[in-house]
Amino acid sequence: MVRDEGLTLHEAAAELGVHYMTAYRYVRLGQLDAVKRSGTWRVSRAELDRFRAEPAESPPSAPPWPADGSTGARNAVASGGW
């Protein structure tokens, strides 16, 4: 009987339509379960299907910088904070 070793992380990335490093980031962040065997990351077909079925995380609703375009450093200098 042939044991299903799953997909390599490169193959999983190709199926997801993302770069290998993006798939690796999913693994590091715990979003995609994978195991490392003989130095190669492996993702099961079932895990890949589960990952695809999950809704994608939405980006933050507001940008991480002030709406007026100012930066924290500029504000600190202007207010005498430095």
N, C-alpha and C. Protein backbone atom coordinates (compact mmCIF):
# COMPACT_ATOMS: atom_id res chain seq x y z
N MET A 1 0.85 -1.19 0.00
CA MET A 1 0.00 0.00 0.00
C MET A 1 0.89 1.25 0.00
N VAL A 2 0.60 2.19 -0.86
CA VAL A 2 1.36 3.43 -0.95
C VAL A 2 0.76 4.44 0.02
N ARG A 3 1.60 4.99 0.85
CA ARG A 3 1.16 5.97 1.84
C ARG A 3 1.16 7.36 1.22
N ASP A 4 0.08 8.09 1.44
CA ASP A 4 -0.02 9.45 0.91
C ASP A 4 0.86 10.37 1.75
N GLU A 5 1.92 10.86 1.16
CA GLU A 5 2.83 11.77 1.85
C GLU A 5 2.36 13.21 1.78
N GLY A 6 1.30 13.48 1.06
CA GLY A 6 0.82 14.84 0.93
C GLY A 6 1.61 15.60 -0.13
N LEU A 7 1.38 16.88 -0.16
CA LEU A 7 2.03 17.76 -1.13
C LEU A 7 3.23 18.44 -0.49
N THR A 8 4.24 18.72 -1.28
CA THR A 8 5.32 19.55 -0.76
C THR A 8 4.76 20.96 -0.60
N LEU A 9 5.45 21.78 0.15
CA LEU A 9 4.98 23.14 0.35
C LEU A 9 5.00 23.91 -0.98
N HIS A 10 5.96 23.61 -1.85
CA HIS A 10 5.98 24.24 -3.18
C HIS A 10 4.74 23.85 -3.98
N GLU A 11 4.36 22.58 -3.93
CA GLU A 11 3.17 22.13 -4.65
C GLU A 11 1.91 22.74 -4.06
N ALA A 12 1.83 22.81 -2.73
CA ALA A 12 0.68 23.41 -2.07
C ALA A 12 0.56 24.89 -2.44
N ALA A 13 1.70 25.59 -2.46
CA ALA A 13 1.70 27.01 -2.84
C ALA A 13 1.19 27.18 -4.26
N ALA A 14 1.64 26.32 -5.17
CA ALA A 14 1.19 26.40 -6.56
C ALA A 14 -0.32 26.19 -6.65
N GLU A 15 -0.85 25.23 -5.89
CA GLU A 15 -2.29 24.98 -5.92
C GLU A 15 -3.08 26.14 -5.32
N LEU A 16 -2.49 26.82 -4.34
CA LEU A 16 -3.16 27.97 -3.73
C LEU A 16 -2.99 29.24 -4.57
N GLY A 17 -2.05 29.20 -5.50
CA GLY A 17 -1.81 30.38 -6.35
C GLY A 17 -1.01 31.45 -5.63
N VAL A 18 -0.16 31.02 -4.69
CA VAL A 18 0.66 31.97 -3.95
C VAL A 18 2.13 31.57 -4.07
N HIS A 19 3.01 32.49 -3.71
CA HIS A 19 4.45 32.22 -3.72
C HIS A 19 4.77 31.24 -2.58
N TYR A 20 5.83 30.49 -2.74
CA TYR A 20 6.26 29.53 -1.73
C TYR A 20 6.42 30.20 -0.36
N MET A 21 7.03 31.37 -0.32
CA MET A 21 7.27 32.04 0.96
C MET A 21 5.96 32.48 1.63
N THR A 22 4.94 32.75 0.84
CA THR A 22 3.63 33.07 1.41
C THR A 22 3.05 31.84 2.09
N ALA A 23 3.15 30.69 1.42
CA ALA A 23 2.67 29.43 2.02
C ALA A 23 3.48 29.12 3.28
N TYR A 24 4.78 29.36 3.24
CA TYR A 24 5.62 29.13 4.41
C TYR A 24 5.20 30.05 5.56
N ARG A 25 4.84 31.28 5.25
CA ARG A 25 4.37 32.22 6.28
C ARG A 25 3.07 31.70 6.90
N TYR A 26 2.17 31.13 6.06
CA TYR A 26 0.94 30.54 6.60
C TYR A 26 1.27 29.44 7.61
N VAL A 27 2.28 28.64 7.30
CA VAL A 27 2.70 27.56 8.20
C VAL A 27 3.26 28.16 9.50
N ARG A 28 4.16 29.13 9.37
CA ARG A 28 4.76 29.75 10.56
C ARG A 28 3.73 30.41 11.46
N LEU A 29 2.71 31.00 10.87
CA LEU A 29 1.67 31.68 11.65
C LEU A 29 0.60 30.73 12.17
N GLY A 30 0.70 29.45 11.82
CA GLY A 30 -0.26 28.46 12.28
C GLY A 30 -1.56 28.44 11.50
N GLN A 31 -1.59 29.09 10.36
CA GLN A 31 -2.80 29.12 9.55
C GLN A 31 -2.92 27.88 8.66
N LEU A 32 -1.79 27.27 8.33
CA LEU A 32 -1.75 26.08 7.49
C LEU A 32 -0.91 25.04 8.20
N ASP A 33 -1.52 23.89 8.50
CA ASP A 33 -0.78 22.82 9.19
C ASP A 33 0.10 22.08 8.20
N ALA A 34 1.34 21.86 8.60
CA ALA A 34 2.30 21.13 7.78
C ALA A 34 3.27 20.41 8.70
N VAL A 35 3.89 19.36 8.17
CA VAL A 35 4.91 18.64 8.91
C VAL A 35 6.19 18.63 8.09
N LYS A 36 7.30 18.62 8.78
CA LYS A 36 8.58 18.61 8.09
C LYS A 36 9.14 17.19 8.15
N ARG A 37 9.30 16.57 6.99
CA ARG A 37 9.84 15.21 6.89
C ARG A 37 11.06 15.22 6.01
N SER A 38 12.16 14.75 6.55
CA SER A 38 13.42 14.68 5.80
C SER A 38 13.78 16.03 5.19
N GLY A 39 13.52 17.10 5.94
CA GLY A 39 13.89 18.44 5.49
C GLY A 39 12.93 19.08 4.51
N THR A 40 11.78 18.43 4.25
CA THR A 40 10.81 18.96 3.30
C THR A 40 9.46 19.15 3.99
N TRP A 41 8.90 20.35 3.87
CA TRP A 41 7.58 20.60 4.42
C TRP A 41 6.54 19.87 3.59
N ARG A 42 5.57 19.20 4.26
CA ARG A 42 4.49 18.47 3.61
C ARG A 42 3.15 18.95 4.15
N VAL A 43 2.20 19.09 3.23
CA VAL A 43 0.84 19.52 3.58
C VAL A 43 -0.11 18.45 3.07
N SER A 44 -1.00 17.99 3.93
CA SER A 44 -1.96 16.97 3.50
C SER A 44 -3.00 17.61 2.58
N ARG A 45 -3.57 16.79 1.72
CA ARG A 45 -4.62 17.26 0.81
C ARG A 45 -5.82 17.76 1.62
N ALA A 46 -6.16 17.05 2.70
CA ALA A 46 -7.29 17.46 3.54
C ALA A 46 -7.03 18.83 4.16
N GLU A 47 -5.79 19.07 4.60
CA GLU A 47 -5.45 20.37 5.20
C GLU A 47 -5.52 21.48 4.17
N LEU A 48 -5.09 21.19 2.96
CA LEU A 48 -5.15 22.18 1.89
C LEU A 48 -6.61 22.53 1.58
N ASP A 49 -7.48 21.52 1.55
CA ASP A 49 -8.91 21.76 1.32
C ASP A 49 -9.52 22.57 2.45
N ARG A 50 -9.12 22.26 3.71
CA ARG A 50 -9.62 23.02 4.86
C ARG A 50 -9.19 24.48 4.77
N PHE A 51 -7.94 24.70 4.41
CA PHE A 51 -7.41 26.06 4.31
C PHE A 51 -8.16 26.86 3.24
N ARG A 52 -8.41 26.21 2.12
CA ARG A 52 -9.14 26.89 1.03
C ARG A 52 -10.56 27.26 1.44
N ALA A 53 -11.18 26.42 2.26
CA ALA A 53 -12.58 26.64 2.66
C ALA A 53 -12.73 27.78 3.66
N GLU A 54 -11.65 28.10 4.38
CA GLU A 54 -11.72 29.18 5.36
C GLU A 54 -11.82 30.53 4.66
N PRO A 55 -12.62 31.43 5.19
CA PRO A 55 -12.66 32.77 4.60
C PRO A 55 -11.32 33.48 4.81
N ALA A 56 -10.92 34.22 3.83
CA ALA A 56 -9.65 34.98 3.92
C ALA A 56 -9.81 36.08 4.95
N GLU A 57 -8.71 36.36 5.65
CA GLU A 57 -8.74 37.46 6.61
C GLU A 57 -8.83 38.77 5.87
N SER A 58 -9.68 39.65 6.36
CA SER A 58 -9.82 40.94 5.70
C SER A 58 -8.71 41.87 6.18
N PRO A 59 -8.28 42.78 5.32
CA PRO A 59 -7.24 43.73 5.72
C PRO A 59 -7.79 44.69 6.77
N PRO A 60 -6.92 45.37 7.50
CA PRO A 60 -7.39 46.33 8.51
C PRO A 60 -8.28 47.39 7.86
N SER A 61 -9.26 47.87 8.62
CA SER A 61 -10.19 48.85 8.07
C SER A 61 -9.56 50.23 7.92
N ALA A 62 -8.54 50.53 8.69
CA ALA A 62 -7.88 51.83 8.61
C ALA A 62 -6.38 51.62 8.39
N PRO A 63 -5.74 52.52 7.66
CA PRO A 63 -4.30 52.38 7.47
C PRO A 63 -3.56 52.58 8.79
N PRO A 64 -2.36 52.01 8.94
CA PRO A 64 -1.63 52.12 10.20
C PRO A 64 -0.94 53.46 10.41
N TRP A 65 -1.22 54.46 9.58
CA TRP A 65 -0.61 55.78 9.72
C TRP A 65 -1.71 56.82 9.90
N PRO A 66 -1.37 57.98 10.44
CA PRO A 66 -2.38 59.02 10.66
C PRO A 66 -3.02 59.48 9.35
N ALA A 67 -4.28 59.83 9.40
CA ALA A 67 -5.03 60.24 8.21
C ALA A 67 -4.48 61.53 7.60
N ASP A 68 -3.82 62.38 8.42
CA ASP A 68 -3.32 63.65 7.87
C ASP A 68 -1.97 63.48 7.16
N GLY A 69 -1.47 62.25 7.11
CA GLY A 69 -0.22 62.00 6.39
C GLY A 69 1.03 62.26 7.21
N SER A 70 0.86 62.69 8.44
CA SER A 70 2.03 62.97 9.28
C SER A 70 2.62 61.67 9.81
N THR A 71 3.85 61.74 10.24
CA THR A 71 4.49 60.56 10.84
C THR A 71 4.74 60.82 12.31
N GLY A 72 4.92 59.77 13.06
CA GLY A 72 5.17 59.91 14.49
C GLY A 72 6.44 60.70 14.77
N ALA A 73 7.50 60.47 13.99
CA ALA A 73 8.76 61.17 14.21
C ALA A 73 8.59 62.66 13.97
N ARG A 74 7.89 63.01 12.90
CA ARG A 74 7.68 64.42 12.59
C ARG A 74 6.88 65.08 13.72
N ASN A 75 5.87 64.40 14.22
CA ASN A 75 5.06 64.95 15.31
C ASN A 75 5.88 65.10 16.57
N ALA A 76 6.72 64.13 16.86
CA ALA A 76 7.56 64.19 18.07
C ALA A 76 8.51 65.38 18.02
N VAL A 77 9.13 65.61 16.87
CA VAL A 77 10.07 66.71 16.72
C VAL A 77 9.32 68.03 16.83
N ALA A 78 8.18 68.14 16.16
CA ALA A 78 7.40 69.38 16.15
C ALA A 78 6.90 69.73 17.55
N SER A 79 6.59 68.71 18.34
CA SER A 79 6.07 69.01 19.67
C SER A 79 7.15 69.11 20.72
N GLY A 80 8.43 68.98 20.29
CA GLY A 80 9.53 69.08 21.23
C GLY A 80 9.76 67.78 22.01
N GLY A 81 9.20 66.68 21.50
CA GLY A 81 9.33 65.39 22.19
C GLY A 81 10.72 64.80 22.11
N TRP A 82 11.54 65.29 21.21
CA TRP A 82 12.90 64.75 21.09
C TRP A 82 13.91 65.79 21.37
